[in-house]
Structure formats: structure tokens, C-alpha cells
Amino acid sequence: MTEEKKELKIPEKLKKIVEDIEKLSVLDLAELVKVLEEKFGVSAQAPVMASPASAEATADKEEKSSFNIELKEVGAKKIDVIKAVRDITAKGLKEAKDLVDAAASSPQMLKENVKKEEAEEIKKKFEAAGAKVELK
């Protein structure tokens, strides 16, 4: 079997660029690729097609940098939980109480897109108040 090279039709406006690139060494080409990736914020790597199951597994392995904080259970110290809600959300007393009361029947979103460190601190506050929160 012989390999046939397809004659690639290069647009006239790109011929000079292609000719210049053909003259570069492998090291120069690698450097050019890095420069172009940084300049335009792209990647020269071919995208990998993944099944939804493997995409989920990959997403689970990657470290998340921002979290949503959800109040799951209030616990016995309702007043402490209301205080904690007021501290992190800057809500008034009534709004914080309503949110805590609603959490008794279904999970309530406390804060969205929080950095990991801050999310861990908030989780500790709520756990100290007897509540259960989930970082998503």
C-alpha cells in the first residue's frame, strides 16, 4: 500500500505564512504553538470525546474552586443558625428566619460561587451552630 498525499489547497492570502512555517524547525514550531496558545487563549491539543459517564468522573476528580452552599438541616440551635445566616448573607432578621424555617422542609441555597476556603469556613460556622450544610 502506498500513501497518497492529498494536495491541500492553500488560500492565496495564507501561502506566505504556510511557506514560512514549513521552514521552521521542530523546536521553533513548538515555541510558535505555545506563543499562539497564550496569545489567543486556545489549546492546540485535539479535544477528547468522552462519554457522559467518563465526563462526570473527570469532573469529580478535578478540584472545584467555587462552591454553592446549601442549608440541609437546621438542628436544635435554630437561633444560632439564624445568626449564622445573617452573618454570611447580610439578610435581615426576618429574611434569615424565613430561610431557616424553609430549610426545615427543603434544602435552601445560602450562597453561590464561593471560593473553597470561604466555603469551608462557612460550613464550620453552621456545623458549630448545629446545622448541616452541603457544598456543591
C-alpha atoms as a PDB file:
ATOM      1  CA  MET A   1       0.000   0.000   0.000  1.00  0.00           C
ATOM      2  CA  THR A   2       1.233   3.421  -0.854  1.00  0.00           C
ATOM      3  CA  GLU A   3       0.213   6.571   0.902  1.00  0.00           C
ATOM      4  CA  GLU A   4      -1.229   9.198  -1.301  1.00  0.00           C
ATOM      5  CA  LYS A   5      -0.691  12.767  -0.279  1.00  0.00           C
ATOM      6  CA  LYS A   6      -3.685  14.900  -0.935  1.00  0.00           C
ATOM      7  CA  GLU A   7      -2.787  18.188  -2.456  1.00  0.00           C
ATOM      8  CA  LEU A   8      -4.000  20.715   0.051  1.00  0.00           C
ATOM      9  CA  LYS A   9      -5.363  23.850  -1.499  1.00  0.00           C
ATOM     10  CA  ILE A  10      -3.926  26.792   0.394  1.00  0.00           C
ATOM     11  CA  PRO A  11      -5.680  30.141   0.011  1.00  0.00           C
ATOM     12  CA  GLU A  12      -3.506  32.734  -1.661  1.00  0.00           C
ATOM     13  CA  LYS A  13      -3.532  35.043   1.364  1.00  0.00           C
ATOM     14  CA  LEU A  14      -2.085  32.242   3.565  1.00  0.00           C
ATOM     15  CA  LYS A  15       0.582  30.858   1.194  1.00  0.00           C
ATOM     16  CA  LYS A  16       3.385  33.067   2.556  1.00  0.00           C
ATOM     17  CA  ILE A  17       2.580  32.134   6.176  1.00  0.00           C
ATOM     18  CA  VAL A  18       2.473  28.410   5.342  1.00  0.00           C
ATOM     19  CA  GLU A  19       5.782  28.634   3.478  1.00  0.00           C
ATOM     20  CA  ASP A  20       7.393  30.388   6.458  1.00  0.00           C
ATOM     21  CA  ILE A  21       6.050  27.768   8.859  1.00  0.00           C
ATOM     22  CA  GLU A  22       7.381  24.949   6.652  1.00  0.00           C
ATOM     23  CA  LYS A  23      10.888  26.374   7.047  1.00  0.00           C
ATOM     24  CA  LEU A  24      10.779  26.292  10.887  1.00  0.00           C
ATOM     25  CA  SER A  25      12.492  23.613  12.959  1.00  0.00           C
ATOM     26  CA  VAL A  26      10.507  21.369  15.275  1.00  0.00           C
ATOM     27  CA  LEU A  27      11.674  23.375  18.298  1.00  0.00           C
ATOM     28  CA  ASP A  28      10.646  26.637  16.653  1.00  0.00           C
ATOM     29  CA  LEU A  29       7.258  25.144  15.794  1.00  0.00           C
ATOM     30  CA  ALA A  30       6.729  24.063  19.396  1.00  0.00           C
ATOM     31  CA  GLU A  31       7.591  27.577  20.563  1.00  0.00           C
ATOM     32  CA  LEU A  32       5.220  29.072  17.969  1.00  0.00           C
ATOM     33  CA  VAL A  33       2.398  26.839  19.206  1.00  0.00           C
ATOM     34  CA  LYS A  34       2.971  27.968  22.815  1.00  0.00           C
ATOM     35  CA  VAL A  35       3.012  31.620  21.792  1.00  0.00           C
ATOM     36  CA  LEU A  36      -0.220  31.250  19.815  1.00  0.00           C
ATOM     37  CA  GLU A  37      -1.923  29.355  22.660  1.00  0.00           C
ATOM     38  CA  GLU A  38      -1.042  32.107  25.138  1.00  0.00           C
ATOM     39  CA  LYS A  39      -1.807  34.975  22.772  1.00  0.00           C
ATOM     40  CA  PHE A  40      -5.251  33.720  21.799  1.00  0.00           C
ATOM     41  CA  GLY A  41      -6.172  31.677  24.878  1.00  0.00           C
ATOM     42  CA  VAL A  42      -6.608  28.434  22.931  1.00  0.00           C
ATOM     43  CA  SER A  43      -5.181  24.931  23.043  1.00  0.00           C
ATOM     44  CA  ALA A  44      -3.566  23.061  20.170  1.00  0.00           C
ATOM     45  CA  GLN A  45      -4.490  19.711  21.716  1.00  0.00           C
ATOM     46  CA  ALA A  46      -7.221  17.775  19.997  1.00  0.00           C
ATOM     47  CA  PRO A  47     -10.428  17.659  22.049  1.00  0.00           C
ATOM     48  CA  VAL A  48     -11.132  14.290  23.616  1.00  0.00           C
ATOM     49  CA  MET A  49     -14.622  12.976  23.101  1.00  0.00           C
ATOM     50  CA  ALA A  50     -15.829  11.458  26.325  1.00  0.00           C
ATOM     51  CA  SER A  51     -18.941   9.626  27.273  1.00  0.00           C
ATOM     52  CA  PRO A  52     -21.177  11.399  29.818  1.00  0.00           C
ATOM     53  CA  ALA A  53     -20.161   8.869  32.488  1.00  0.00           C
ATOM     54  CA  SER A  54     -16.440   9.486  31.991  1.00  0.00           C
ATOM     55  CA  ALA A  55     -17.040  13.239  31.837  1.00  0.00           C
ATOM     56  CA  GLU A  56     -18.693  13.052  35.265  1.00  0.00           C
ATOM     57  CA  ALA A  57     -15.804  11.010  36.628  1.00  0.00           C
ATOM     58  CA  THR A  58     -13.339  13.582  35.293  1.00  0.00           C
ATOM     59  CA  ALA A  59     -15.356  16.426  36.788  1.00  0.00           C
ATOM     60  CA  ASP A  60     -15.359  14.659  40.163  1.00  0.00           C
ATOM     61  CA  LYS A  61     -11.567  14.221  40.050  1.00  0.00           C
ATOM     62  CA  GLU A  62     -10.932  17.888  39.278  1.00  0.00           C
ATOM     63  CA  GLU A  63     -10.658  20.163  42.268  1.00  0.00           C
ATOM     64  CA  LYS A  64     -13.543  22.607  42.356  1.00  0.00           C
ATOM     65  CA  SER A  65     -12.622  26.202  43.017  1.00  0.00           C
ATOM     66  CA  SER A  66     -16.071  27.619  43.736  1.00  0.00           C
ATOM     67  CA  PHE A  67     -18.979  26.165  45.618  1.00  0.00           C
ATOM     68  CA  ASN A  68     -22.641  26.738  46.305  1.00  0.00           C
ATOM     69  CA  ILE A  69     -23.576  26.406  49.964  1.00  0.00           C
ATOM     70  CA  GLU A  70     -26.892  24.771  50.743  1.00  0.00           C
ATOM     71  CA  LEU A  71     -28.523  24.570  54.178  1.00  0.00           C
ATOM     72  CA  LYS A  72     -29.782  20.998  54.562  1.00  0.00           C
ATOM     73  CA  GLU A  73     -30.858  20.731  58.204  1.00  0.00           C
ATOM     74  CA  VAL A  74     -31.272  23.338  60.921  1.00  0.00           C
ATOM     75  CA  GLY A  75     -30.653  21.235  64.030  1.00  0.00           C
ATOM     76  CA  ALA A  76     -31.543  22.098  67.623  1.00  0.00           C
ATOM     77  CA  LYS A  77     -29.888  25.549  67.816  1.00  0.00           C
ATOM     78  CA  LYS A  78     -32.211  27.415  65.460  1.00  0.00           C
ATOM     79  CA  ILE A  79     -31.302  30.854  66.832  1.00  0.00           C
ATOM     80  CA  ASP A  80     -27.569  30.229  66.286  1.00  0.00           C
ATOM     81  CA  VAL A  81     -28.306  29.092  62.726  1.00  0.00           C
ATOM     82  CA  ILE A  82     -30.345  32.254  62.068  1.00  0.00           C
ATOM     83  CA  LYS A  83     -27.400  34.339  63.359  1.00  0.00           C
ATOM     84  CA  ALA A  84     -25.021  32.462  61.076  1.00  0.00           C
ATOM     85  CA  VAL A  85     -27.348  33.042  58.092  1.00  0.00           C
ATOM     86  CA  ARG A  86     -27.444  36.756  58.879  1.00  0.00           C
ATOM     87  CA  ASP A  87     -23.640  36.859  59.153  1.00  0.00           C
ATOM     88  CA  ILE A  88     -22.903  35.294  55.781  1.00  0.00           C
ATOM     89  CA  THR A  89     -25.825  36.615  53.727  1.00  0.00           C
ATOM     90  CA  ALA A  90     -26.303  40.111  55.208  1.00  0.00           C
ATOM     91  CA  LYS A  91     -30.040  39.407  55.319  1.00  0.00           C
ATOM     92  CA  GLY A  92     -32.307  40.976  57.876  1.00  0.00           C
ATOM     93  CA  LEU A  93     -33.656  39.027  60.834  1.00  0.00           C
ATOM     94  CA  LYS A  94     -36.991  38.188  59.180  1.00  0.00           C
ATOM     95  CA  GLU A  95     -35.403  37.050  55.897  1.00  0.00           C
ATOM     96  CA  ALA A  96     -32.851  34.920  57.739  1.00  0.00           C
ATOM     97  CA  LYS A  97     -35.554  33.354  59.915  1.00  0.00           C
ATOM     98  CA  ASP A  98     -37.720  32.636  56.858  1.00  0.00           C
ATOM     99  CA  LEU A  99     -34.783  30.965  55.112  1.00  0.00           C
ATOM    100  CA  VAL A 100     -34.025  28.807  58.159  1.00  0.00           C
ATOM    101  CA  ASP A 101     -37.723  27.889  58.535  1.00  0.00           C
ATOM    102  CA  ALA A 102     -37.868  26.925  54.838  1.00  0.00           C
ATOM    103  CA  ALA A 103     -34.768  24.735  55.290  1.00  0.00           C
ATOM    104  CA  ALA A 104     -36.783  22.575  57.709  1.00  0.00           C
ATOM    105  CA  SER A 105     -38.863  21.321  54.762  1.00  0.00           C
ATOM    106  CA  SER A 106     -36.375  21.507  51.874  1.00  0.00           C
ATOM    107  CA  PRO A 107     -32.702  22.457  51.378  1.00  0.00           C
ATOM    108  CA  GLN A 108     -32.107  26.187  50.890  1.00  0.00           C
ATOM    109  CA  MET A 109     -29.308  27.887  48.967  1.00  0.00           C
ATOM    110  CA  LEU A 110     -27.312  30.139  51.282  1.00  0.00           C
ATOM    111  CA  LYS A 111     -24.615  31.472  48.990  1.00  0.00           C
ATOM    112  CA  GLU A 112     -23.403  30.753  45.446  1.00  0.00           C
ATOM    113  CA  ASN A 113     -19.972  30.759  43.769  1.00  0.00           C
ATOM    114  CA  VAL A 114     -17.973  30.914  46.985  1.00  0.00           C
ATOM    115  CA  LYS A 115     -14.234  30.195  46.993  1.00  0.00           C
ATOM    116  CA  LYS A 116     -13.196  26.922  48.596  1.00  0.00           C
ATOM    117  CA  GLU A 117     -11.559  28.464  51.675  1.00  0.00           C
ATOM    118  CA  GLU A 118     -14.540  30.705  52.429  1.00  0.00           C
ATOM    119  CA  ALA A 119     -16.974  27.834  51.826  1.00  0.00           C
ATOM    120  CA  GLU A 120     -15.110  25.649  54.341  1.00  0.00           C
ATOM    121  CA  GLU A 121     -15.222  28.451  56.936  1.00  0.00           C
ATOM    122  CA  ILE A 122     -18.948  28.961  56.410  1.00  0.00           C
ATOM    123  CA  LYS A 123     -19.533  25.215  56.706  1.00  0.00           C
ATOM    124  CA  LYS A 124     -17.662  25.181  60.031  1.00  0.00           C
ATOM    125  CA  LYS A 125     -19.799  28.075  61.340  1.00  0.00           C
ATOM    126  CA  PHE A 126     -23.008  26.257  60.550  1.00  0.00           C
ATOM    127  CA  GLU A 127     -21.796  22.952  61.935  1.00  0.00           C
ATOM    128  CA  ALA A 128     -20.807  24.743  65.154  1.00  0.00           C
ATOM    129  CA  ALA A 129     -24.393  26.070  65.287  1.00  0.00           C
ATOM    130  CA  GLY A 130     -25.725  22.509  64.910  1.00  0.00           C
ATOM    131  CA  ALA A 131     -26.838  22.811  61.281  1.00  0.00           C
ATOM    132  CA  LYS A 132     -25.914  20.637  58.325  1.00  0.00           C
ATOM    133  CA  VAL A 133     -24.772  22.296  55.124  1.00  0.00           C
ATOM    134  CA  GLU A 134     -23.644  20.853  51.819  1.00  0.00           C
ATOM    135  CA  LEU A 135     -21.039  22.305  49.488  1.00  0.00           C
ATOM    136  CA  LYS A 136     -21.957  21.722  45.861  1.00  0.00           C
END
